[in-house]
PDB file of N, CA and C in Angstrom:
ATOM      1  N   UNK A   1     235.408 200.488 207.257  1.00  0.00           N
ATOM      2  CA  UNK A   1     234.967 199.339 206.262  1.00  0.00           C
ATOM      3  C   UNK A   1     235.639 198.196 206.301  1.00  0.00           C
ATOM      4  N   UNK A   2     237.123 198.124 206.765  1.00  0.00           N
ATOM      5  CA  UNK A   2     237.688 196.705 206.886  1.00  0.00           C
ATOM      6  C   UNK A   2     237.166 195.882 208.137  1.00  0.00           C
ATOM      7  N   UNK A   3     236.581 196.817 208.811  1.00  0.00           N
ATOM      8  CA  UNK A   3     236.054 196.178 210.081  1.00  0.00           C
ATOM      9  C   UNK A   3     234.842 195.461 209.735  1.00  0.00           C
ATOM     10  N   UNK A   4     234.049 195.902 208.778  1.00  0.00           N
ATOM     11  CA  UNK A   4     232.763 195.189 208.516  1.00  0.00           C
ATOM     12  C   UNK A   4     233.421 194.042 207.839  1.00  0.00           C
ATOM     13  N   UNK A   5     233.986 194.124 206.823  1.00  0.00           N
ATOM     14  CA  UNK A   5     234.503 192.703 205.885  1.00  0.00           C
ATOM     15  C   UNK A   5     235.281 191.826 207.105  1.00  0.00           C
ATOM     16  N   UNK A   6     236.090 192.211 208.124  1.00  0.00           N
ATOM     17  CA  UNK A   6     236.409 191.318 208.841  1.00  0.00           C
ATOM     18  C   UNK A   6     235.443 190.579 209.673  1.00  0.00           C
ATOM     19  N   UNK A   7     234.519 191.472 210.050  1.00  0.00           N
ATOM     20  CA  UNK A   7     233.398 190.748 210.683  1.00  0.00           C
ATOM     21  C   UNK A   7     232.572 189.536 210.141  1.00  0.00           C
ATOM     22  N   UNK A   8     232.481 189.913 208.678  1.00  0.00           N
ATOM     23  CA  UNK A   8     231.603 189.056 207.898  1.00  0.00           C
ATOM     24  C   UNK A   8     232.502 187.921 207.604  1.00  0.00           C
ATOM     25  N   UNK A   9     233.736 187.983 207.491  1.00  0.00           N
ATOM     26  CA  UNK A   9     234.485 186.803 207.197  1.00  0.00           C
ATOM     27  C   UNK A   9     234.745 185.830 208.590  1.00  0.00           C
ATOM     28  N   UNK A  10     234.627 186.692 209.682  1.00  0.00           N
ATOM     29  CA  UNK A  10     234.993 185.877 210.981  1.00  0.00           C
ATOM     30  C   UNK A  10     233.430 185.375 211.475  1.00  0.00           C
ATOM     31  N   UNK A  11     232.421 185.659 211.067  1.00  0.00           N
ATOM     32  CA  UNK A  11     231.165 185.135 211.660  1.00  0.00           C
ATOM     33  C   UNK A  11     230.857 183.868 210.990  1.00  0.00           C
ATOM     34  N   UNK A  12     230.599 182.895 211.681  1.00  0.00           N
ATOM     35  CA  UNK A  12     230.337 181.639 210.989  1.00  0.00           C
ATOM     36  C   UNK A  12     228.914 181.440 210.245  1.00  0.00           C
ATOM     37  N   UNK A  13     228.022 182.226 210.963  1.00  0.00           N
ATOM     38  CA  UNK A  13     226.776 182.185 210.335  1.00  0.00           C
ATOM     39  C   UNK A  13     226.673 182.818 208.848  1.00  0.00           C
ATOM     40  N   UNK A  14     227.433 183.984 208.841  1.00  0.00           N
ATOM     41  CA  UNK A  14     227.575 184.630 207.568  1.00  0.00           C
ATOM     42  C   UNK A  14     228.146 183.730 206.563  1.00  0.00           C
ATOM     43  N   UNK A  15     229.306 183.097 206.920  1.00  0.00           N
ATOM     44  CA  UNK A  15     229.903 182.193 206.009  1.00  0.00           C
ATOM     45  C   UNK A  15     229.166 181.096 205.595  1.00  0.00           C
ATOM     46  N   UNK A  16     228.294 180.686 206.633  1.00  0.00           N
ATOM     47  CA  UNK A  16     227.433 179.501 206.220  1.00  0.00           C
ATOM     48  C   UNK A  16     226.239 179.763 205.050  1.00  0.00           C
ATOM     49  N   UNK A  17     225.739 180.854 205.181  1.00  0.00           N
ATOM     50  CA  UNK A  17     224.850 181.417 204.448  1.00  0.00           C
ATOM     51  C   UNK A  17     225.264 181.725 203.084  1.00  0.00           C
ATOM     52  N   UNK A  18     226.490 182.352 202.920  1.00  0.00           N
ATOM     53  CA  UNK A  18     227.280 182.471 201.792  1.00  0.00           C
ATOM     54  C   UNK A  18     227.637 181.293 201.000  1.00  0.00           C
ATOM     55  N   UNK A  19     228.162 180.261 201.857  1.00  0.00           N
ATOM     56  CA  UNK A  19     228.425 178.954 201.152  1.00  0.00           C
ATOM     57  C   UNK A  19     227.167 178.341 200.821  1.00  0.00           C
ATOM     58  N   UNK A  20     226.125 178.404 201.346  1.00  0.00           N
ATOM     59  CA  UNK A  20     224.790 177.869 200.979  1.00  0.00           C
ATOM     60  C   UNK A  20     224.340 178.269 199.835  1.00  0.00           C
ATOM     61  N   UNK A  21     224.281 179.792 199.536  1.00  0.00           N
ATOM     62  CA  UNK A  21     224.030 180.317 198.491  1.00  0.00           C
ATOM     63  C   UNK A  21     225.000 179.936 197.157  1.00  0.00           C
ATOM     64  N   UNK A  22     225.974 179.934 197.258  1.00  0.00           N
ATOM     65  CA  UNK A  22     227.065 179.561 196.360  1.00  0.00           C
ATOM     66  C   UNK A  22     226.813 178.030 195.767  1.00  0.00           C
ATOM     67  N   UNK A  23     226.526 177.433 196.719  1.00  0.00           N
ATOM     68  CA  UNK A  23     226.445 175.722 196.564  1.00  0.00           C
ATOM     69  C   UNK A  23     225.032 175.784 195.924  1.00  0.00           C
ATOM     70  N   UNK A  24     224.009 176.452 195.993  1.00  0.00           N
ATOM     71  CA  UNK A  24     222.737 176.539 195.414  1.00  0.00           C
ATOM     72  C   UNK A  24     222.867 176.726 194.168  1.00  0.00           C
ATOM     73  N   UNK A  25     223.686 177.834 193.780  1.00  0.00           N
ATOM     74  CA  UNK A  25     223.753 178.377 192.230  1.00  0.00           C
ATOM     75  C   UNK A  25     224.581 177.355 191.599  1.00  0.00           C
ATOM     76  N   UNK A  26     225.768 176.779 192.156  1.00  0.00           N
ATOM     77  CA  UNK A  26     226.343 175.893 191.434  1.00  0.00           C
ATOM     78  C   UNK A  26     225.621 174.623 191.052  1.00  0.00           C
ATOM     79  N   UNK A  27     224.828 173.997 191.932  1.00  0.00           N
ATOM     80  CA  UNK A  27     224.065 173.003 191.793  1.00  0.00           C
ATOM     81  C   UNK A  27     222.836 173.312 190.596  1.00  0.00           C
ATOM     82  N   UNK A  28     222.378 174.586 190.572  1.00  0.00           N
ATOM     83  CA  UNK A  28     221.432 175.020 189.666  1.00  0.00           C
ATOM     84  C   UNK A  28     222.155 175.021 188.229  1.00  0.00           C
ATOM     85  N   UNK A  29     223.235 175.669 188.225  1.00  0.00           N
ATOM     86  CA  UNK A  29     223.966 175.674 186.942  1.00  0.00           C
ATOM     87  C   UNK A  29     224.032 174.349 186.304  1.00  0.00           C
ATOM     88  N   UNK A  30     224.597 173.174 187.192  1.00  0.00           N
ATOM     89  CA  UNK A  30     224.983 172.003 187.048  1.00  0.00           C
ATOM     90  C   UNK A  30     223.762 171.321 186.421  1.00  0.00           C
ATOM     91  N   UNK A  31     222.631 171.411 187.059  1.00  0.00           N
ATOM     92  CA  UNK A  31     221.289 171.080 186.380  1.00  0.00           C
ATOM     93  C   UNK A  31     220.886 171.345 185.389  1.00  0.00           C
ATOM     94  N   UNK A  32     221.005 172.558 184.923  1.00  0.00           N
ATOM     95  CA  UNK A  32     220.806 173.372 183.716  1.00  0.00           C
ATOM     96  C   UNK A  32     221.531 172.878 182.555  1.00  0.00           C
ATOM     97  N   UNK A  33     222.830 172.536 182.929  1.00  0.00           N
ATOM     98  CA  UNK A  33     223.732 171.986 181.714  1.00  0.00           C
ATOM     99  C   UNK A  33     223.190 170.518 181.672  1.00  0.00           C
ATOM    100  N   UNK A  34     223.083 169.790 182.755  1.00  0.00           N
ATOM    101  CA  UNK A  34     222.793 168.420 182.485  1.00  0.00           C
ATOM    102  C   UNK A  34     221.337 168.171 181.555  1.00  0.00           C
ATOM    103  N   UNK A  35     220.545 169.037 181.849  1.00  0.00           N
ATOM    104  CA  UNK A  35     219.217 169.076 181.217  1.00  0.00           C
ATOM    105  C   UNK A  35     219.595 169.464 179.687  1.00  0.00           C
ATOM    106  N   UNK A  36     220.504 170.426 179.448  1.00  0.00           N
ATOM    107  CA  UNK A  36     220.660 170.739 177.989  1.00  0.00           C
ATOM    108  C   UNK A  36     221.299 169.699 177.318  1.00  0.00           C
ATOM    109  N   UNK A  37     222.108 168.951 178.005  1.00  0.00           N
ATOM    110  CA  UNK A  37     222.843 167.782 177.395  1.00  0.00           C
ATOM    111  C   UNK A  37     221.806 166.542 177.320  1.00  0.00           C
ATOM    112  N   UNK A  38     221.023 166.437 177.947  1.00  0.00           N
ATOM    113  CA  UNK A  38     219.930 165.534 177.815  1.00  0.00           C
ATOM    114  C   UNK A  38     218.967 165.801 176.704  1.00  0.00           C
ATOM    115  N   UNK A  39     218.600 166.928 176.492  1.00  0.00           N
ATOM    116  CA  UNK A  39     217.927 167.143 175.230  1.00  0.00           C
ATOM    117  C   UNK A  39     218.523 167.121 174.127  1.00  0.00           C
ATOM    118  N   UNK A  40     220.015 167.437 173.926  1.00  0.00           N
ATOM    119  CA  UNK A  40     220.660 167.282 172.662  1.00  0.00           C
ATOM    120  C   UNK A  40     220.759 165.770 172.458  1.00  0.00           C
ATOM    121  N   UNK A  41     220.959 164.877 173.469  1.00  0.00           N
ATOM    122  CA  UNK A  41     220.857 163.589 173.133  1.00  0.00           C
ATOM    123  C   UNK A  41     219.691 162.933 172.630  1.00  0.00           C
ATOM    124  N   UNK A  42     218.765 163.486 173.325  1.00  0.00           N
ATOM    125  CA  UNK A  42     217.320 163.159 173.024  1.00  0.00           C
ATOM    126  C   UNK A  42     216.977 163.484 171.409  1.00  0.00           C
ATOM    127  N   UNK A  43     217.400 164.756 171.080  1.00  0.00           N
ATOM    128  CA  UNK A  43     217.129 165.056 169.707  1.00  0.00           C
ATOM    129  C   UNK A  43     218.069 164.199 168.595  1.00  0.00           C
ATOM    130  N   UNK A  44     219.309 164.046 169.097  1.00  0.00           N
ATOM    131  CA  UNK A  44     220.201 163.173 168.249  1.00  0.00           C
ATOM    132  C   UNK A  44     219.655 161.625 167.948  1.00  0.00           C
ATOM    133  N   UNK A  45     219.048 161.058 168.962  1.00  0.00           N
ATOM    134  CA  UNK A  45     218.307 159.487 168.964  1.00  0.00           C
ATOM    135  C   UNK A  45     217.187 159.932 167.812  1.00  0.00           C
ATOM    136  N   UNK A  46     216.498 160.961 167.962  1.00  0.00           N
ATOM    137  CA  UNK A  46     215.204 161.250 167.162  1.00  0.00           C
ATOM    138  C   UNK A  46     215.642 161.521 165.823  1.00  0.00           C
ATOM    139  N   UNK A  47     216.744 162.053 165.760  1.00  0.00           N
ATOM    140  CA  UNK A  47     217.246 162.408 164.336  1.00  0.00           C
ATOM    141  C   UNK A  47     217.823 160.908 163.658  1.00  0.00           C
ATOM    142  N   UNK A  48     218.345 160.200 164.535  1.00  0.00           N
ATOM    143  CA  UNK A  48     218.887 158.888 164.026  1.00  0.00           C
ATOM    144  C   UNK A  48     217.767 157.958 163.568  1.00  0.00           C
ATOM    145  N   UNK A  49     216.686 158.043 164.462  1.00  0.00           N
ATOM    146  CA  UNK A  49     215.470 157.118 164.254  1.00  0.00           C
ATOM    147  C   UNK A  49     214.912 157.500 163.078  1.00  0.00           C
ATOM    148  N   UNK A  50     214.893 158.963 162.681  1.00  0.00           N
ATOM    149  CA  UNK A  50     213.988 159.450 161.623  1.00  0.00           C
ATOM    150  C   UNK A  50     215.071 159.060 160.289  1.00  0.00           C
ATOM    151  N   UNK A  51     216.221 159.156 160.453  1.00  0.00           N
ATOM    152  CA  UNK A  51     217.126 158.668 159.115  1.00  0.00           C
ATOM    153  C   UNK A  51     217.039 157.268 158.946  1.00  0.00           C
ATOM    154  N   UNK A  52     217.124 156.416 159.907  1.00  0.00           N
ATOM    155  CA  UNK A  52     216.696 154.940 159.685  1.00  0.00           C
ATOM    156  C   UNK A  52     215.484 154.764 159.016  1.00  0.00           C
ATOM    157  N   UNK A  53     214.407 155.386 159.550  1.00  0.00           N
ATOM    158  CA  UNK A  53     213.124 155.127 158.853  1.00  0.00           C
ATOM    159  C   UNK A  53     212.951 155.759 157.474  1.00  0.00           C
ATOM    160  N   UNK A  54     213.875 156.682 157.181  1.00  0.00           N
ATOM    161  CA  UNK A  54     213.900 157.319 155.912  1.00  0.00           C
ATOM    162  C   UNK A  54     214.403 156.312 154.945  1.00  0.00           C
ATOM    163  N   UNK A  55     215.638 155.713 155.400  1.00  0.00           N
ATOM    164  CA  UNK A  55     216.426 154.598 154.764  1.00  0.00           C
ATOM    165  C   UNK A  55     215.419 153.490 154.336  1.00  0.00           C
ATOM    166  N   UNK A  56     214.803 153.051 155.285  1.00  0.00           N
ATOM    167  CA  UNK A  56     213.596 152.020 155.159  1.00  0.00           C
ATOM    168  C   UNK A  56     212.790 152.220 154.067  1.00  0.00           C
ATOM    169  N   UNK A  57     212.213 153.529 153.927  1.00  0.00           N
ATOM    170  CA  UNK A  57     211.307 153.821 152.983  1.00  0.00           C
ATOM    171  C   UNK A  57     211.926 154.017 151.543  1.00  0.00           C
ATOM    172  N   UNK A  58     213.109 154.567 151.605  1.00  0.00           N
ATOM    173  CA  UNK A  58     213.885 154.661 150.205  1.00  0.00           C
ATOM    174  C   UNK A  58     214.176 153.313 149.775  1.00  0.00           C
ATOM    175  N   UNK A  59     214.517 152.249 150.592  1.00  0.00           N
ATOM    176  CA  UNK A  59     214.841 150.816 150.173  1.00  0.00           C
ATOM    177  C   UNK A  59     213.559 150.295 149.635  1.00  0.00           C
ATOM    178  N   UNK A  60     212.573 150.659 150.341  1.00  0.00           N
ATOM    179  CA  UNK A  60     211.196 150.221 149.787  1.00  0.00           C
ATOM    180  C   UNK A  60     210.614 150.692 148.643  1.00  0.00           C
ATOM    181  N   UNK A  61     210.930 151.950 148.300  1.00  0.00           N
ATOM    182  CA  UNK A  61     210.524 152.488 146.989  1.00  0.00           C
ATOM    183  C   UNK A  61     211.375 152.045 145.894  1.00  0.00           C
ATOM    184  N   UNK A  62     212.838 151.705 146.415  1.00  0.00           N
ATOM    185  CA  UNK A  62     213.668 151.385 145.289  1.00  0.00           C
ATOM    186  C   UNK A  62     213.329 149.987 144.688  1.00  0.00           C
ATOM    187  N   UNK A  63     212.551 149.118 145.592  1.00  0.00           N
ATOM    188  CA  UNK A  63     212.065 147.971 145.173  1.00  0.00           C
ATOM    189  C   UNK A  63     213.190 146.721 145.407  1.00  0.00           C
ATOM    190  N   UNK A  64     214.269 146.977 146.085  1.00  0.00           N
ATOM    191  CA  UNK A  64     215.148 146.022 146.326  1.00  0.00           C
ATOM    192  C   UNK A  64     215.344 145.814 147.827  1.00  0.00           C
ATOM    193  N   UNK A  65     215.959 144.630 148.118  1.00  0.00           N
ATOM    194  CA  UNK A  65     216.066 144.333 149.473  1.00  0.00           C
ATOM    195  C   UNK A  65     217.279 145.150 150.203  1.00  0.00           C
ATOM    196  N   UNK A  66     217.209 145.163 151.432  1.00  0.00           N
ATOM    197  CA  UNK A  66     218.402 145.972 152.078  1.00  0.00           C
ATOM    198  C   UNK A  66     219.817 145.420 151.604  1.00  0.00           C
ATOM    199  N   UNK A  67     219.727 143.910 151.818  1.00  0.00           N
ATOM    200  CA  UNK A  67     221.041 143.240 151.596  1.00  0.00           C
ATOM    201  C   UNK A  67     221.438 143.519 149.886  1.00  0.00           C
ATOM    202  N   UNK A  68     220.701 143.643 149.143  1.00  0.00           N
ATOM    203  CA  UNK A  68     221.137 144.053 147.654  1.00  0.00           C
ATOM    204  C   UNK A  68     221.605 145.311 147.628  1.00  0.00           C
ATOM    205  N   UNK A  69     220.817 146.262 148.342  1.00  0.00           N
ATOM    206  CA  UNK A  69     221.485 147.597 148.396  1.00  0.00           C
ATOM    207  C   UNK A  69     222.890 147.527 148.935  1.00  0.00           C
ATOM    208  N   UNK A  70     222.995 146.942 150.045  1.00  0.00           N
ATOM    209  CA  UNK A  70     224.317 147.008 150.811  1.00  0.00           C
ATOM    210  C   UNK A  70     225.473 146.340 149.787  1.00  0.00           C
ATOM    211  N   UNK A  71     224.944 145.400 149.086  1.00  0.00           N
ATOM    212  CA  UNK A  71     225.898 144.808 148.075  1.00  0.00           C
ATOM    213  C   UNK A  71     226.364 145.694 147.035  1.00  0.00           C
ATOM    214  N   UNK A  72     225.367 146.477 146.545  1.00  0.00           N
ATOM    215  CA  UNK A  72     225.601 147.524 145.393  1.00  0.00           C
ATOM    216  C   UNK A  72     226.331 148.597 145.830  1.00  0.00           C
ATOM    217  N   UNK A  73     225.991 149.022 147.295  1.00  0.00           N
ATOM    218  CA  UNK A  73     226.698 150.115 147.593  1.00  0.00           C
ATOM    219  C   UNK A  73     228.132 149.985 148.073  1.00  0.00           C
ATOM    220  N   UNK A  74     228.397 148.546 148.398  1.00  0.00           N
ATOM    221  CA  UNK A  74     229.458 148.209 148.957  1.00  0.00           C
ATOM    222  C   UNK A  74     230.875 148.461 148.052  1.00  0.00           C
ATOM    223  N   UNK A  75     230.681 148.446 146.739  1.00  0.00           N
ATOM    224  CA  UNK A  75     231.865 148.869 146.013  1.00  0.00           C
ATOM    225  C   UNK A  75     232.135 150.498 145.767  1.00  0.00           C
ATOM    226  N   UNK A  76     231.258 151.109 146.410  1.00  0.00           N
ATOM    227  CA  UNK A  76     231.422 152.727 146.731  1.00  0.00           C
ATOM    228  C   UNK A  76     232.025 152.982 147.925  1.00  0.00           C
ATOM    229  N   UNK A  77     231.901 152.090 148.930  1.00  0.00           N
ATOM    230  CA  UNK A  77     232.583 152.478 150.325  1.00  0.00           C
ATOM    231  C   UNK A  77     234.027 152.247 150.289  1.00  0.00           C
ATOM    232  N   UNK A  78     234.738 152.917 151.222  1.00  0.00           N
ATOM    233  CA  UNK A  78     236.167 152.619 151.306  1.00  0.00           C
ATOM    234  C   UNK A  78     236.301 151.153 152.085  1.00  0.00           C
ATOM    235  N   UNK A  79     237.417 150.534 151.366  1.00  0.00           N
ATOM    236  CA  UNK A  79     237.635 149.408 152.127  1.00  0.00           C
ATOM    237  C   UNK A  79     238.409 149.431 153.148  1.00  0.00           C
ATOM    238  N   UNK A  80     238.263 148.735 154.508  1.00  0.00           N
ATOM    239  CA  UNK A  80     238.829 148.855 155.742  1.00  0.00           C
ATOM    240  C   UNK A  80     239.740 147.584 155.907  1.00  0.00           C
TER     241      UNK A  80
END
């Protein structure tokens, strides 16, 4: 049994094939993680855009200009 393992570890072709398989798997996992991160960023941007649009609608419904709303809400926000 140890002779078979020693042959596999000393054969450069087998080592190259094994390294290629491991490299391909690592690349695939990295791409999968990058795709998931890109999707999270896309959804976060969509949520931010929806929140901004919702705030614009709320301001329009309230009948006040955004500057007036900021001024009125300024007294409730923490001072920095």
